Amino acid sequence: MALIAVVSGRYSATFQPHISGAASGAGGAAIDQGICTDDGYVLTWQIRVQEVSQTDAYGQSLLETVYLGANWRLRYTVQEYPTANAANGNPVNLAWPYAKVTGVANSGVLSPAMGTIGQRGSDVDGVLVLTAAAGTPAAVNTAPATLTAEHVNPDHSSSFSLNFTSKARVLPVGVVLFPYSKIISSTSYNIWFYTT
């Protein structure tokens, strides 16, 4: 028996836009996000607190913190991205969901338009589901087997880039996970995602 039980295994992802007519897609079916680079999907989070550290008795010593929420993000780099459903949530359109040119050949692949200034991110968000590959330790252990974020939007703090070169194209994608209310086992929670 091995000395440690490592958890490993590839994840796949799908993205499903919430609303019909969004640039990120026309709603409906979830679209495969393609194969990633070796780093896979990276979930990061930042806990937000107010530090209590300015007192006349203890100077600038950190005495306490007050929890103020958190920000959760997911980043990945796709090695391929499906173009057959380019208008329905492929990684390029997930990276620019606000508006796009339509009615032109191949316009779904990369065709950003300015869109409505003042539009809320939640108006163009969607559901991102990560699923561990069957038979891997990630699928059978508490890895988790799936991670579902029901309100995903492009991460405004990320820079997206798409290289036009003779090399295979890769697309770095960063998304922010908006919190939402969900009932789990008859209890209502405010969550960023849930796992199975």
Protein backbone atom coordinates (compact mmCIF):
# COMPACT_ATOMS: atom_id res chain seq x y z
CA MET A 1 0.00 0.00 0.00
CA ALA A 2 1.24 3.48 -0.85
CA LEU A 3 2.33 5.79 1.94
CA ILE A 4 0.04 8.57 0.72
CA ALA A 5 -3.25 8.71 -1.16
CA VAL A 6 -2.80 11.42 -3.78
CA VAL A 7 -5.77 12.82 -5.61
CA SER A 8 -5.28 13.25 -9.33
CA GLY A 9 -7.32 13.23 -12.48
CA ARG A 10 -8.33 15.43 -15.35
CA TYR A 11 -11.45 17.58 -15.23
CA SER A 12 -13.58 18.60 -18.18
CA ALA A 13 -15.80 21.68 -18.17
CA THR A 14 -18.98 22.90 -19.77
CA PHE A 15 -20.42 26.41 -19.89
CA GLN A 16 -24.10 27.15 -20.37
CA PRO A 17 -25.19 30.78 -20.84
CA HIS A 18 -28.27 31.76 -18.80
CA ILE A 19 -30.12 33.97 -21.22
CA SER A 20 -31.12 33.88 -24.84
CA GLY A 21 -29.42 36.50 -26.95
CA ALA A 22 -26.38 36.98 -24.72
CA ALA A 23 -23.14 37.27 -26.66
CA SER A 24 -21.80 34.33 -24.65
CA GLY A 25 -24.47 32.18 -26.21
CA ALA A 26 -28.10 31.65 -26.95
CA GLY A 27 -28.93 29.68 -23.83
CA GLY A 28 -29.81 26.04 -24.19
CA ALA A 29 -27.21 23.30 -24.21
CA ALA A 30 -24.00 23.37 -22.21
CA ILE A 31 -20.90 23.63 -24.40
CA ASP A 32 -17.66 21.73 -23.79
CA GLN A 33 -14.80 24.10 -22.97
CA GLY A 34 -12.17 21.95 -24.67
CA ILE A 35 -8.88 20.46 -23.50
CA CYS A 36 -6.76 22.52 -21.12
CA THR A 37 -3.03 22.86 -20.69
CA ASP A 38 -1.39 20.68 -18.07
CA ASP A 39 -2.33 23.01 -15.19
CA GLY A 40 -6.02 22.21 -15.70
CA TYR A 41 -8.52 24.35 -13.80
CA VAL A 42 -7.16 26.47 -10.95
CA LEU A 43 -9.61 27.61 -8.25
CA THR A 44 -8.43 30.59 -6.23
CA TRP A 45 -10.05 32.62 -3.49
CA GLN A 46 -9.33 35.72 -1.46
CA ILE A 47 -10.89 36.16 1.96
CA ARG A 48 -11.84 39.77 2.61
CA VAL A 49 -11.45 41.15 6.13
CA GLN A 50 -11.18 44.45 7.95
CA GLU A 51 -8.10 44.46 10.13
CA VAL A 52 -8.35 45.98 13.59
CA SER A 53 -4.81 47.26 13.99
CA GLN A 54 -4.91 50.96 14.90
CA THR A 55 -5.36 51.43 18.64
CA ASP A 56 -3.93 53.82 21.22
CA ALA A 57 -3.24 50.92 23.59
CA TYR A 58 -1.51 48.50 21.20
CA GLY A 59 -0.31 50.73 18.36
CA GLN A 60 -0.44 49.06 14.96
CA SER A 61 -0.53 45.50 16.29
CA LEU A 62 -3.05 43.32 14.53
CA LEU A 63 -5.59 42.51 17.24
CA GLU A 64 -8.60 41.20 15.38
CA THR A 65 -10.21 40.83 11.97
CA VAL A 66 -13.78 41.29 10.81
CA TYR A 67 -14.87 38.95 8.02
CA LEU A 68 -16.22 40.85 4.98
CA GLY A 69 -16.81 38.07 2.46
CA ALA A 70 -14.63 36.48 -0.20
CA ASN A 71 -13.91 36.48 -3.91
CA TRP A 72 -13.63 33.18 -5.78
CA ARG A 73 -12.08 32.85 -9.22
CA LEU A 74 -11.27 30.07 -11.65
CA ARG A 75 -8.63 30.21 -14.33
CA TYR A 76 -7.69 27.83 -17.09
CA THR A 77 -5.97 27.83 -20.46
CA VAL A 78 -7.63 25.94 -23.27
CA GLN A 79 -5.50 24.16 -25.84
CA GLU A 80 -8.48 23.80 -28.13
CA TYR A 81 -11.88 25.32 -28.25
CA PRO A 82 -14.87 24.01 -30.15
CA THR A 83 -15.93 26.25 -33.00
CA ALA A 84 -18.93 24.19 -34.10
CA ASN A 85 -20.93 25.90 -31.35
CA ALA A 86 -18.96 29.12 -31.35
CA ALA A 87 -22.08 31.21 -30.81
CA ASN A 88 -23.21 29.14 -27.86
CA GLY A 89 -20.64 29.51 -25.14
CA ASN A 90 -17.23 28.45 -26.37
CA PRO A 91 -14.27 29.84 -24.38
CA VAL A 92 -13.75 32.79 -26.75
CA ASN A 93 -17.31 34.02 -26.23
CA LEU A 94 -17.19 33.27 -22.50
CA ALA A 95 -14.24 35.68 -22.38
CA TRP A 96 -16.39 38.38 -24.10
CA PRO A 97 -20.09 37.90 -23.28
CA TYR A 98 -21.38 41.46 -23.64
CA ALA A 99 -22.19 41.73 -27.35
CA LYS A 100 -21.06 40.35 -30.68
CA VAL A 101 -21.50 40.84 -34.38
CA THR A 102 -23.99 38.35 -35.79
CA GLY A 103 -25.16 37.27 -39.22
CA VAL A 104 -21.68 37.10 -40.74
CA ALA A 105 -19.86 33.86 -41.62
CA ASN A 106 -17.76 32.67 -38.65
CA SER A 107 -18.94 35.65 -36.58
CA GLY A 108 -19.36 33.42 -33.54
CA VAL A 109 -15.66 32.61 -33.26
CA LEU A 110 -14.40 36.09 -32.35
CA SER A 111 -16.60 39.07 -33.14
CA PRO A 112 -16.86 41.45 -30.17
CA ALA A 113 -19.19 44.44 -30.32
CA MET A 114 -19.37 47.26 -27.77
CA GLY A 115 -22.72 46.22 -26.30
CA THR A 116 -24.77 48.11 -23.74
CA ILE A 117 -22.73 50.32 -21.46
CA GLY A 118 -23.92 49.85 -17.89
CA GLN A 119 -24.96 46.25 -18.43
CA ARG A 120 -24.69 44.12 -15.30
CA GLY A 121 -22.36 41.13 -15.32
CA SER A 122 -25.15 38.96 -13.95
CA ASP A 123 -27.14 39.72 -17.13
CA VAL A 124 -24.65 37.75 -19.22
CA ASP A 125 -23.37 35.13 -16.82
CA GLY A 126 -23.81 31.38 -17.03
CA VAL A 127 -23.23 28.01 -15.39
CA LEU A 128 -19.79 26.41 -15.41
CA VAL A 129 -19.56 22.73 -14.44
CA LEU A 130 -16.28 20.89 -13.85
CA THR A 131 -16.44 17.08 -13.95
CA ALA A 132 -13.65 14.70 -12.96
CA ALA A 133 -12.68 12.11 -15.57
CA ALA A 134 -14.29 8.73 -14.86
CA GLY A 135 -12.10 6.18 -13.13
CA THR A 136 -9.60 8.71 -11.77
CA PRO A 137 -8.98 9.25 -8.04
CA ALA A 138 -10.63 12.67 -8.44
CA ALA A 139 -13.88 11.00 -9.52
CA VAL A 140 -14.01 8.37 -6.78
CA ASN A 141 -12.56 10.20 -3.78
CA THR A 142 -13.74 13.41 -2.16
CA ALA A 143 -11.85 15.45 -4.75
CA PRO A 144 -14.69 16.64 -5.64
CA ALA A 145 -16.19 14.67 -8.53
CA THR A 146 -18.03 17.79 -9.78
CA LEU A 147 -17.94 21.52 -9.10
CA THR A 148 -20.89 23.63 -10.27
CA ALA A 149 -20.82 27.44 -10.27
CA GLU A 150 -24.21 28.78 -11.35
CA HIS A 151 -23.18 32.43 -11.87
CA VAL A 152 -19.87 32.74 -13.74
CA ASN A 153 -18.65 35.90 -15.45
CA PRO A 154 -15.35 36.94 -17.05
CA ASP A 155 -12.82 37.99 -14.43
CA HIS A 156 -12.40 41.74 -14.98
CA SER A 157 -9.02 41.60 -13.24
CA SER A 158 -7.68 39.16 -15.86
CA SER A 159 -6.14 40.03 -19.18
CA PHE A 160 -7.34 37.80 -21.98
CA SER A 161 -5.08 37.16 -24.94
CA LEU A 162 -5.27 35.17 -28.14
CA ASN A 163 -2.05 34.74 -30.12
CA PHE A 164 -2.29 34.67 -33.90
CA THR A 165 0.74 32.59 -34.81
CA SER A 166 1.78 29.40 -36.56
CA LYS A 167 1.78 27.65 -33.17
CA ALA A 168 -1.29 25.99 -31.71
CA ARG A 169 -3.60 28.65 -30.33
CA VAL A 170 -4.21 28.71 -26.62
CA LEU A 171 -6.67 30.92 -24.78
CA PRO A 172 -6.20 31.83 -21.11
CA VAL A 173 -9.62 32.23 -19.48
CA GLY A 174 -10.31 33.76 -16.08
CA VAL A 175 -13.77 33.81 -14.53
CA VAL A 176 -15.21 35.16 -11.32
CA LEU A 177 -17.80 33.15 -9.41
CA PHE A 178 -20.66 35.37 -8.25
CA PRO A 179 -22.41 34.30 -5.04
CA TYR A 180 -26.05 33.22 -5.21
CA SER A 181 -28.71 31.63 -3.00
CA LYS A 182 -29.31 27.91 -3.25
CA ILE A 183 -31.24 25.38 -1.17
CA ILE A 184 -29.11 22.35 -0.33
CA SER A 185 -30.64 19.57 1.77
CA SER A 186 -33.59 21.86 2.67
CA THR A 187 -31.29 24.63 3.97
CA SER A 188 -30.78 27.92 2.12
CA TYR A 189 -27.18 29.02 1.67
CA ASN A 190 -25.43 31.91 -0.07
CA ILE A 191 -22.69 30.15 -2.03
CA TRP A 192 -20.25 30.64 -4.91
CA PHE A 193 -20.41 27.01 -6.08
CA TYR A 194 -21.31 23.54 -4.85
CA THR A 195 -19.60 20.20 -5.18
CA THR A 196 -20.58 16.55 -5.35
